[in-house]
Amino acid sequence: MTHLTVRNVPSELAEALMAEKTRRGGSLNATVIDLLRRALGVAPDASYDNGLARHAGDWSEADLQEFEANTGMFQQVDEELWR
């Protein structure tokens, strides 16, 4: 097992690492190792899953048309609000 020392860690990165450590409830060392493994693609479960892949390709053409009809108003600009 190799030991590494990282110097001059920017404060915002150190704060983010500490927040992630707290969120995970583990050690800082374990958190950093897991983050590095995932970032470099060498983690046992390195594939990232945001949970959205199961929805890909589910919409029919009718679903798309309904969605666009129901959200079309978001494309309109209220000129009064932009004066």
Protein backbone atom coordinates (compact mmCIF):
# COMPACT_ATOMS: atom_id res chain seq x y z
CA MET A 1 0.00 0.00 0.00
CA THR A 2 1.39 3.41 -0.97
CA HIS A 3 1.13 6.48 1.20
CA LEU A 4 0.67 9.87 -0.41
CA THR A 5 0.83 13.40 0.93
CA VAL A 6 -1.05 16.17 -0.83
CA ARG A 7 0.16 19.70 -0.16
CA ASN A 8 -1.36 23.11 -0.84
CA VAL A 9 -4.97 21.90 -1.00
CA PRO A 10 -7.13 24.96 -1.75
CA SER A 11 -9.43 25.83 1.15
CA GLU A 12 -12.61 25.43 -0.93
CA LEU A 13 -11.51 21.91 -1.90
CA ALA A 14 -10.67 21.03 1.71
CA GLU A 15 -14.07 22.32 2.83
CA ALA A 16 -15.85 20.33 0.10
CA LEU A 17 -13.95 17.17 1.09
CA MET A 18 -14.84 17.65 4.75
CA ALA A 19 -18.49 18.21 3.85
CA GLU A 20 -18.49 15.03 1.74
CA LYS A 21 -16.80 13.10 4.57
CA THR A 22 -19.51 14.28 6.95
CA ARG A 23 -22.26 13.45 4.47
CA ARG A 24 -20.91 9.93 4.04
CA GLY A 25 -20.26 9.42 7.73
CA GLY A 26 -16.84 7.89 7.13
CA SER A 27 -13.22 8.92 7.39
CA LEU A 28 -11.58 11.56 5.27
CA ASN A 29 -9.10 8.98 4.00
CA ALA A 30 -11.85 6.60 2.83
CA THR A 31 -13.75 9.49 1.23
CA VAL A 32 -10.73 10.72 -0.73
CA ILE A 33 -9.82 7.21 -1.89
CA ASP A 34 -13.38 6.54 -3.07
CA LEU A 35 -13.62 9.90 -4.87
CA LEU A 36 -10.28 9.33 -6.61
CA ARG A 37 -11.24 5.80 -7.64
CA ARG A 38 -14.52 6.99 -9.12
CA ALA A 39 -12.96 10.00 -10.85
CA LEU A 40 -10.24 7.85 -12.42
CA GLY A 41 -12.59 5.00 -13.32
CA VAL A 42 -10.85 2.37 -11.21
CA ALA A 43 -13.58 1.82 -8.62
CA PRO A 44 -15.24 -1.61 -8.59
CA ASP A 45 -18.53 0.15 -9.40
CA ALA A 46 -16.99 3.03 -11.36
CA SER A 47 -19.98 3.55 -13.61
CA TYR A 48 -21.91 6.64 -12.58
CA ASP A 49 -25.65 6.19 -12.24
CA ASN A 50 -27.81 9.24 -11.64
CA GLY A 51 -30.95 7.11 -11.81
CA LEU A 52 -32.22 8.67 -15.03
CA ALA A 53 -31.08 6.02 -17.52
CA ARG A 54 -34.16 3.93 -16.82
CA HIS A 55 -36.28 6.75 -18.27
CA ALA A 56 -34.36 7.09 -21.53
CA GLY A 57 -36.43 6.19 -24.55
CA ASP A 58 -39.68 5.79 -22.61
CA TRP A 59 -41.60 8.59 -24.29
CA SER A 60 -43.74 7.99 -27.32
CA GLU A 61 -44.29 10.64 -29.97
CA ALA A 62 -47.67 11.37 -28.34
CA ASP A 63 -45.97 11.86 -24.95
CA LEU A 64 -43.54 14.34 -26.50
CA GLN A 65 -46.33 16.29 -28.18
CA GLU A 66 -48.29 16.44 -24.94
CA PHE A 67 -45.22 17.64 -23.04
CA GLU A 68 -44.45 20.34 -25.60
CA ALA A 69 -48.08 21.49 -25.63
CA ASN A 70 -48.12 21.72 -21.82
CA THR A 71 -44.79 23.55 -21.54
CA GLY A 72 -45.08 25.82 -24.57
CA MET A 73 -46.08 28.76 -22.40
CA PHE A 74 -42.57 28.78 -20.92
CA GLN A 75 -41.25 29.90 -24.30
CA GLN A 76 -43.33 33.09 -24.20
CA VAL A 77 -41.72 36.31 -22.95
CA ASP A 78 -43.85 38.68 -20.89
CA GLU A 79 -42.78 42.04 -22.36
CA GLU A 80 -44.16 43.91 -19.31
CA LEU A 81 -41.77 42.08 -17.00
CA TRP A 82 -38.75 42.96 -19.16
CA ARG A 83 -39.22 46.73 -19.28
